């Protein structure tokens, strides 16, 4: 093949260009070899401050304040490589790094850790099989995580799993996935666990239905069971999520429960329940208004130490605006978190925390 023919064939494919997605920048897409490399991630920063009021059983009060500071909010970057092999078969690899705070500094840019690192193969008709550190099918269950920084949707169902083998498949309106993982000495932040994981397995199923051009719904169920070595701790989490969209309005609901046994001592039992609601109004293509509300229960029954119970509710309201559609977003949010804490049925303290944030996200 002549050099001019090669140039005419490859150069248009090798040029950097923005894809339609807000989460990836295509670095190159070589048509003859079916090779595609994408830059993934986003820059996420904000200025946030908080005030807390804690009232104790003896009527004493503490009011610590945290002055506004510039902070990283899980900024991340990575690469996704896809190679088509023909007959619907392909291989894929993903790597993602995130910034985190590891010192007393509040900017949270102290360190970079590997969040995702996985590879596998798939078939366009029969599904995908991956191994590594993966954002599992559990990440697709929750329907209320539609805020930016001050979300109340920190799920009991863990989304990121380390060293697992996962199979996912989509059939018409149904998507499901199952996974299994063995030993792991680190958590999702890449930090060493004091109680190392023995094994983990779980799965999820998501159903999406579009009634017409104005109405759609999504329902999801998930479950994860983890076992740890010492003192043979086991943890089981169930999650259900649902959302309904009518024109520019979306409502969502998440219900979750986690049961933990033998966490601090033999025969202790911890029960955690969490309920979350969300309402989102798309004012126009660039402006969005949203609110979240949640209630929670965290109860520990122990034979060797004090039994505890914490109840609470919290809410977030916010508005965001795409300065550059799909790529640059500004937002402001307010969150209030209210909790009561009991030990052996006796009231100990109640806490109210107010947090305000103004931030920006840059997608590529």
Protein backbone atom coordinates (compact mmCIF):
# COMPACT_ATOMS: atom_id res chain seq x y z
CA UNK A 1 0.00 0.00 0.00
CA UNK A 2 1.31 3.46 -0.89
CA UNK A 3 2.27 5.89 1.88
CA UNK A 4 -0.33 8.42 0.75
CA UNK A 5 -3.02 5.74 0.94
CA UNK A 6 -1.93 4.80 4.47
CA UNK A 7 -2.00 8.46 5.52
CA UNK A 8 -5.46 8.97 4.05
CA UNK A 9 -6.70 5.86 5.84
CA UNK A 10 -5.14 6.27 9.29
CA UNK A 11 -4.75 9.98 9.95
CA UNK A 12 -8.46 10.77 10.27
CA UNK A 13 -8.80 7.91 12.76
CA UNK A 14 -5.75 8.94 14.79
CA UNK A 15 -6.86 12.54 15.32
CA UNK A 16 -7.97 13.32 18.88
CA UNK A 17 -11.64 14.16 19.07
CA UNK A 18 -14.35 14.41 21.71
CA UNK A 19 -16.87 11.62 21.78
CA UNK A 20 -20.53 12.27 22.47
CA UNK A 21 -20.17 10.83 25.99
CA UNK A 22 -19.42 13.11 28.92
CA UNK A 23 -17.12 10.51 30.46
CA UNK A 24 -14.57 9.71 27.76
CA UNK A 25 -12.25 11.39 25.29
CA UNK A 26 -11.35 9.15 22.35
CA UNK A 27 -7.58 9.26 21.90
CA UNK A 28 -7.56 7.08 18.81
CA UNK A 29 -9.89 4.75 16.96
CA UNK A 30 -8.05 2.79 14.27
CA UNK A 31 -10.66 1.42 11.89
CA UNK A 32 -8.61 -1.27 10.09
CA UNK A 33 -7.50 -3.02 13.32
CA UNK A 34 -10.67 -2.20 15.31
CA UNK A 35 -8.58 -0.73 18.16
CA UNK A 36 -10.00 2.04 20.35
CA UNK A 37 -8.34 3.88 23.26
CA UNK A 38 -10.31 6.32 25.44
CA UNK A 39 -9.32 8.70 28.21
CA UNK A 40 -11.89 8.48 31.01
CA UNK A 41 -12.58 10.43 34.17
CA UNK A 42 -13.30 13.95 35.39
CA UNK A 43 -11.91 16.74 37.54
CA UNK A 44 -14.11 17.26 40.62
CA UNK A 45 -13.40 20.10 43.04
CA UNK A 46 -15.39 22.27 45.42
CA UNK A 47 -15.24 24.81 48.22
CA UNK A 48 -17.15 23.51 51.23
CA UNK A 49 -17.65 24.41 54.87
CA UNK A 50 -19.68 22.96 57.72
CA UNK A 51 -20.99 23.66 61.21
CA UNK A 52 -21.95 21.03 63.78
CA UNK A 53 -23.99 21.23 66.96
CA UNK A 54 -23.80 18.28 69.41
CA UNK A 55 -25.99 18.23 72.51
CA UNK A 56 -25.21 15.63 75.19
CA UNK A 57 -27.39 13.96 77.82
CA UNK A 58 -26.07 16.33 80.51
CA UNK A 59 -27.25 19.31 78.39
CA UNK A 60 -23.70 20.36 77.49
CA UNK A 61 -23.25 21.57 73.91
CA UNK A 62 -20.37 21.60 71.45
CA UNK A 63 -20.36 23.71 68.28
CA UNK A 64 -17.31 22.97 66.10
CA UNK A 65 -17.07 24.80 62.77
CA UNK A 66 -15.08 23.97 59.67
CA UNK A 67 -14.21 27.01 57.60
CA UNK A 68 -14.62 26.83 53.81
CA UNK A 69 -11.72 25.19 51.98
CA UNK A 70 -10.83 24.15 48.44
CA UNK A 71 -11.22 20.35 48.26
CA UNK A 72 -10.83 17.49 45.83
CA UNK A 73 -14.04 15.48 45.44
CA UNK A 74 -12.87 12.15 43.98
CA UNK A 75 -11.19 13.54 40.85
CA UNK A 76 -10.20 10.66 38.62
CA UNK A 77 -8.58 9.77 35.29
CA UNK A 78 -7.96 6.54 33.42
CA UNK A 79 -7.92 4.67 30.15
CA UNK A 80 -10.16 2.14 28.43
CA UNK A 81 -8.77 -0.01 25.61
CA UNK A 82 -11.09 -2.02 23.38
CA UNK A 83 -9.99 -4.45 20.67
CA UNK A 84 -12.55 -6.07 18.38
CA UNK A 85 -11.60 -9.59 17.27
CA UNK A 86 -14.43 -10.29 14.84
CA UNK A 87 -17.70 -12.24 14.95
CA UNK A 88 -18.91 -10.01 17.80
CA UNK A 89 -15.99 -10.92 20.10
CA UNK A 90 -13.86 -8.23 21.74
CA UNK A 91 -11.31 -7.74 24.52
CA UNK A 92 -11.36 -4.82 26.93
CA UNK A 93 -9.12 -3.35 29.61
CA UNK A 94 -9.77 -0.55 32.12
CA UNK A 95 -7.58 1.37 34.54
CA UNK A 96 -8.63 4.31 36.71
CA UNK A 97 -6.67 6.38 39.24
CA UNK A 98 -8.19 8.67 41.84
CA UNK A 99 -6.86 11.36 44.12
CA UNK A 100 -7.37 11.02 47.87
CA UNK A 101 -6.40 12.70 51.12
CA UNK A 102 -3.92 10.91 53.39
CA UNK A 103 -2.94 13.73 55.77
CA UNK A 104 -4.50 16.52 57.81
CA UNK A 105 -4.68 18.73 54.72
CA UNK A 106 -8.19 19.46 53.51
CA UNK A 107 -7.43 19.67 49.80
CA UNK A 108 -7.42 15.84 49.46
CA UNK A 109 -4.85 15.82 46.67
CA UNK A 110 -2.18 14.11 48.82
CA UNK A 111 -2.07 10.78 47.04
CA UNK A 112 -3.09 8.88 43.92
CA UNK A 113 -4.33 5.30 44.14
CA UNK A 114 -5.52 2.73 41.61
CA UNK A 115 -9.30 2.55 41.88
CA UNK A 116 -10.04 0.23 38.97
CA UNK A 117 -7.77 -2.20 37.15
CA UNK A 118 -9.44 -4.95 35.15
CA UNK A 119 -9.43 -6.79 31.86
CA UNK A 120 -11.47 -9.42 30.09
CA UNK A 121 -13.39 -10.27 26.98
CA UNK A 122 -16.95 -10.20 25.76
CA UNK A 123 -19.39 -10.96 23.01
CA UNK A 124 -21.96 -8.46 21.77
CA UNK A 125 -24.64 -11.13 22.05
CA UNK A 126 -23.53 -13.27 25.02
CA UNK A 127 -22.18 -10.78 27.55
CA UNK A 128 -18.90 -9.71 29.15
CA UNK A 129 -16.48 -11.39 31.57
CA UNK A 130 -13.98 -9.25 33.54
CA UNK A 131 -11.43 -9.88 36.28
CA UNK A 132 -9.75 -7.36 38.57
CA UNK A 133 -10.78 -4.32 40.61
CA UNK A 134 -14.18 -3.56 39.15
CA UNK A 135 -17.05 -1.14 39.62
CA UNK A 136 -19.50 -4.02 39.92
CA UNK A 137 -23.13 -4.47 38.91
CA UNK A 138 -23.97 -3.16 42.42
CA UNK A 139 -23.19 0.37 41.20
CA UNK A 140 -26.23 0.18 38.91
CA UNK A 141 -28.74 -0.63 41.66
CA UNK A 142 -29.11 2.71 43.45
CA UNK A 143 -31.44 5.24 41.82
CA UNK A 144 -31.09 8.24 44.16
CA UNK A 145 -27.43 9.18 43.59
CA UNK A 146 -28.21 12.16 41.38
CA UNK A 147 -26.58 14.95 43.39
CA UNK A 148 -22.98 16.15 42.97
CA UNK A 149 -20.81 16.51 46.09
CA UNK A 150 -23.17 16.54 49.08
CA UNK A 151 -25.13 13.44 48.11
CA UNK A 152 -26.80 11.41 50.84
CA UNK A 153 -26.60 8.30 48.66
CA UNK A 154 -23.60 6.58 50.21
CA UNK A 155 -24.94 3.06 49.75
CA UNK A 156 -24.72 0.16 52.15
CA UNK A 157 -24.27 -2.00 49.05
CA UNK A 158 -20.56 -1.60 48.11
CA UNK A 159 -20.09 -0.85 44.41
CA UNK A 160 -16.31 -1.22 43.96
CA UNK A 161 -14.99 -4.74 44.50
CA UNK A 162 -11.34 -5.82 44.41
CA UNK A 163 -10.03 -8.95 42.72
CA UNK A 164 -13.35 -10.33 41.50
CA UNK A 165 -14.51 -12.23 38.43
CA UNK A 166 -17.71 -10.68 37.08
CA UNK A 167 -20.08 -11.66 34.30
CA UNK A 168 -22.65 -9.18 32.97
CA UNK A 169 -25.20 -9.51 30.20
CA UNK A 170 -27.97 -7.41 28.68
CA UNK A 171 -31.05 -8.96 27.07
CA UNK A 172 -33.58 -6.48 25.70
CA UNK A 173 -34.75 -4.42 28.72
CA UNK A 174 -32.99 -6.64 31.27
CA UNK A 175 -29.42 -6.37 32.52
CA UNK A 176 -27.93 -8.71 35.11
CA UNK A 177 -24.57 -9.51 36.60
CA UNK A 178 -22.94 -11.92 39.06
CA UNK A 179 -19.47 -11.89 40.59
CA UNK A 180 -17.17 -13.76 42.97
CA UNK A 181 -13.91 -12.81 44.63
CA UNK A 182 -11.48 -14.53 46.98
CA UNK A 183 -8.95 -13.08 49.40
CA UNK A 184 -8.20 -9.36 49.53
CA UNK A 185 -6.15 -7.40 52.05
CA UNK A 186 -7.24 -3.94 50.86
CA UNK A 187 -10.48 -1.99 50.73
CA UNK A 188 -11.96 0.03 47.86
CA UNK A 189 -9.62 2.96 48.67
CA UNK A 190 -6.57 0.73 48.29
CA UNK A 191 -5.85 0.87 52.04
CA UNK A 192 -5.00 -2.18 54.16
CA UNK A 193 -7.91 -3.85 55.95
CA UNK A 194 -7.50 -4.62 59.66
CA UNK A 195 -9.80 -7.59 59.07
CA UNK A 196 -8.86 -9.10 55.71
CA UNK A 197 -11.56 -10.30 53.33
CA UNK A 198 -11.96 -14.04 52.93
CA UNK A 199 -14.40 -14.00 50.01
CA UNK A 200 -17.21 -12.00 48.45
CA UNK A 201 -20.01 -12.85 46.05
CA UNK A 202 -23.10 -11.08 44.81
CA UNK A 203 -25.24 -10.05 41.91
CA UNK A 204 -27.83 -7.66 40.61
CA UNK A 205 -30.56 -7.27 38.04
CA UNK A 206 -31.84 -4.07 36.40
CA UNK A 207 -35.04 -3.67 34.38
CA UNK A 208 -35.60 -0.61 32.18
CA UNK A 209 -38.88 0.15 30.44
CA UNK A 210 -39.88 3.07 28.24
CA UNK A 211 -43.65 3.47 28.05
CA UNK A 212 -43.47 6.22 25.44
CA UNK A 213 -41.32 9.24 24.62
CA UNK A 214 -42.35 10.95 27.89
CA UNK A 215 -42.54 8.09 30.42
CA UNK A 216 -39.87 5.62 31.52
CA UNK A 217 -39.01 3.59 34.61
CA UNK A 218 -36.09 1.61 36.01
CA UNK A 219 -36.20 -1.03 38.77
CA UNK A 220 -33.16 -2.78 40.23
CA UNK A 221 -32.32 -5.40 42.87
CA UNK A 222 -28.94 -6.38 44.28
CA UNK A 223 -27.33 -8.51 46.98
CA UNK A 224 -23.74 -8.95 48.25
CA UNK A 225 -22.31 -11.30 50.89
CA UNK A 226 -18.79 -10.83 52.31
CA UNK A 227 -16.82 -12.98 54.74
CA UNK A 228 -13.75 -11.90 56.71
CA UNK A 229 -11.10 -13.85 58.60
CA UNK A 230 -11.05 -12.56 62.16
CA UNK A 231 -13.29 -13.09 64.06
CA UNK A 232 -15.02 -14.84 61.14
CA UNK A 233 -17.11 -11.78 60.36
CA UNK A 234 -19.80 -12.08 57.71
CA UNK A 235 -21.83 -9.29 56.16
CA UNK A 236 -24.91 -9.52 53.93
CA UNK A 237 -26.43 -6.53 52.14
CA UNK A 238 -29.69 -6.26 50.20
CA UNK A 239 -30.68 -3.33 48.01
CA UNK A 240 -33.66 -2.30 45.90
CA UNK A 241 -33.90 0.82 43.77
CA UNK A 242 -36.54 2.29 41.52
CA UNK A 243 -37.06 5.47 39.52
CA UNK A 244 -39.74 6.97 37.29
CA UNK A 245 -39.30 9.78 34.77
CA UNK A 246 -42.10 11.85 33.28
CA UNK A 247 -40.91 14.43 30.78
CA UNK A 248 -38.35 16.50 32.73
CA UNK A 249 -39.16 15.19 36.23
CA UNK A 250 -37.56 12.15 37.90
CA UNK A 251 -38.40 10.58 41.26
CA UNK A 252 -36.35 7.78 42.78
CA UNK A 253 -36.33 5.48 45.81
CA UNK A 254 -33.63 3.27 47.38
CA UNK A 255 -34.17 0.74 50.18
CA UNK A 256 -31.16 -1.03 51.70
CA UNK A 257 -30.39 -3.33 54.60
CA UNK A 258 -27.07 -4.69 55.84
CA UNK A 259 -26.63 -7.37 58.51
CA UNK A 260 -23.21 -7.95 60.07
CA UNK A 261 -22.25 -10.74 62.49
CA UNK A 262 -19.13 -11.09 64.64
CA UNK A 263 -17.69 -7.68 63.69
CA UNK A 264 -16.15 -6.73 67.03
CA UNK A 265 -16.74 -9.91 69.05
CA UNK A 266 -18.28 -13.35 68.67
CA UNK A 267 -22.09 -13.37 68.47
CA UNK A 268 -22.51 -9.61 68.12
CA UNK A 269 -25.02 -8.46 65.50
CA UNK A 270 -25.27 -5.15 63.67
CA UNK A 271 -28.34 -4.09 61.69
CA UNK A 272 -28.29 -1.12 59.29
CA UNK A 273 -31.34 0.14 57.40
CA UNK A 274 -31.33 3.02 54.93
CA UNK A 275 -34.12 4.63 52.93
CA UNK A 276 -33.53 7.43 50.39
CA UNK A 277 -35.76 9.52 48.13
CA UNK A 278 -34.81 11.87 45.31
CA UNK A 279 -36.67 14.41 43.19
CA UNK A 280 -34.99 15.94 40.13
CA UNK A 281 -36.41 18.65 37.88
CA UNK A 282 -34.63 19.39 34.60
CA UNK A 283 -35.46 23.07 34.11
CA UNK A 284 -33.89 23.18 30.64
CA UNK A 285 -31.01 21.34 28.91
CA UNK A 286 -28.43 23.19 31.07
CA UNK A 287 -30.14 23.85 34.42
CA UNK A 288 -31.20 21.19 36.95
CA UNK A 289 -32.81 21.42 40.39
CA UNK A 290 -32.78 18.46 42.80
CA UNK A 291 -33.43 17.33 46.36
CA UNK A 292 -32.75 14.18 48.40
CA UNK A 293 -34.15 12.90 51.68
CA UNK A 294 -33.08 9.87 53.71
CA UNK A 295 -33.63 8.05 57.00
CA UNK A 296 -31.33 5.51 58.61
CA UNK A 297 -30.95 3.10 61.53
CA UNK A 298 -27.68 1.61 62.83
CA UNK A 299 -28.12 -0.85 65.71
CA UNK A 300 -25.54 -3.08 67.45
CA UNK A 301 -26.45 -5.93 69.81
CA UNK A 302 -23.45 -7.23 71.72
CA UNK A 303 -23.03 -9.78 74.52
CA UNK A 304 -19.55 -8.60 75.55
CA UNK A 305 -19.85 -4.81 75.27
CA UNK A 306 -22.43 -2.02 75.17
CA UNK A 307 -25.31 -2.22 72.74
CA UNK A 308 -25.78 0.92 70.66
CA UNK A 309 -28.44 2.43 68.42
CA UNK A 310 -28.23 5.44 66.11
CA UNK A 311 -31.15 6.91 64.20
CA UNK A 312 -31.14 9.84 61.85
CA UNK A 313 -32.43 11.67 58.85
CA UNK A 314 -30.77 13.98 56.34
CA UNK A 315 -31.54 15.95 53.22
CA UNK A 316 -29.74 17.70 50.38
CA UNK A 317 -30.95 20.43 48.02
CA UNK A 318 -28.98 21.72 45.08
CA UNK A 319 -28.86 23.23 41.64
CA UNK A 320 -26.35 22.75 38.84
CA UNK A 321 -25.62 24.38 35.50
CA UNK A 322 -23.63 23.24 32.48
CA UNK A 323 -21.47 26.20 31.47
CA UNK A 324 -20.22 24.16 28.52
CA UNK A 325 -22.86 21.54 27.68
CA UNK A 326 -21.72 18.00 28.60
CA UNK A 327 -18.24 19.09 29.68
CA UNK A 328 -18.13 21.82 32.38
CA UNK A 329 -20.68 21.96 35.21
CA UNK A 330 -21.05 24.32 38.19
CA UNK A 331 -23.19 23.51 41.23
CA UNK A 332 -24.15 24.67 44.71
CA UNK A 333 -25.60 22.40 47.40
CA UNK A 334 -26.75 22.40 51.03
CA UNK A 335 -27.01 19.32 53.26
CA UNK A 336 -28.35 18.86 56.78
CA UNK A 337 -27.67 15.66 58.75
CA UNK A 338 -29.44 14.99 62.05
CA UNK A 339 -28.61 11.98 64.30
CA UNK A 340 -29.44 10.60 67.77
CA UNK A 341 -27.19 8.13 69.59
CA UNK A 342 -28.17 5.70 72.36
CA UNK A 343 -26.12 3.25 74.46
CA UNK A 344 -27.98 0.42 76.22
CA UNK A 345 -31.29 2.20 75.51
CA UNK A 346 -30.02 5.39 77.20
CA UNK A 347 -29.82 8.66 75.27
CA UNK A 348 -26.24 9.92 74.86
CA UNK A 349 -26.22 12.75 72.34
CA UNK A 350 -27.85 14.29 69.29
CA UNK A 351 -25.99 15.96 66.46
CA UNK A 352 -27.00 18.34 63.68
CA UNK A 353 -24.52 19.09 60.91
CA UNK A 354 -24.99 21.71 58.19
CA UNK A 355 -22.74 21.64 55.12
CA UNK A 356 -22.64 23.98 52.13
CA UNK A 357 -20.63 23.44 48.95
CA UNK A 358 -19.96 25.27 45.70
CA UNK A 359 -18.15 23.22 43.12
CA UNK A 360 -17.22 22.41 39.56
CA UNK A 361 -16.88 19.27 37.47
CA UNK A 362 -14.98 19.00 34.20
CA UNK A 363 -15.72 15.89 32.14
CA UNK A 364 -13.80 14.44 29.22
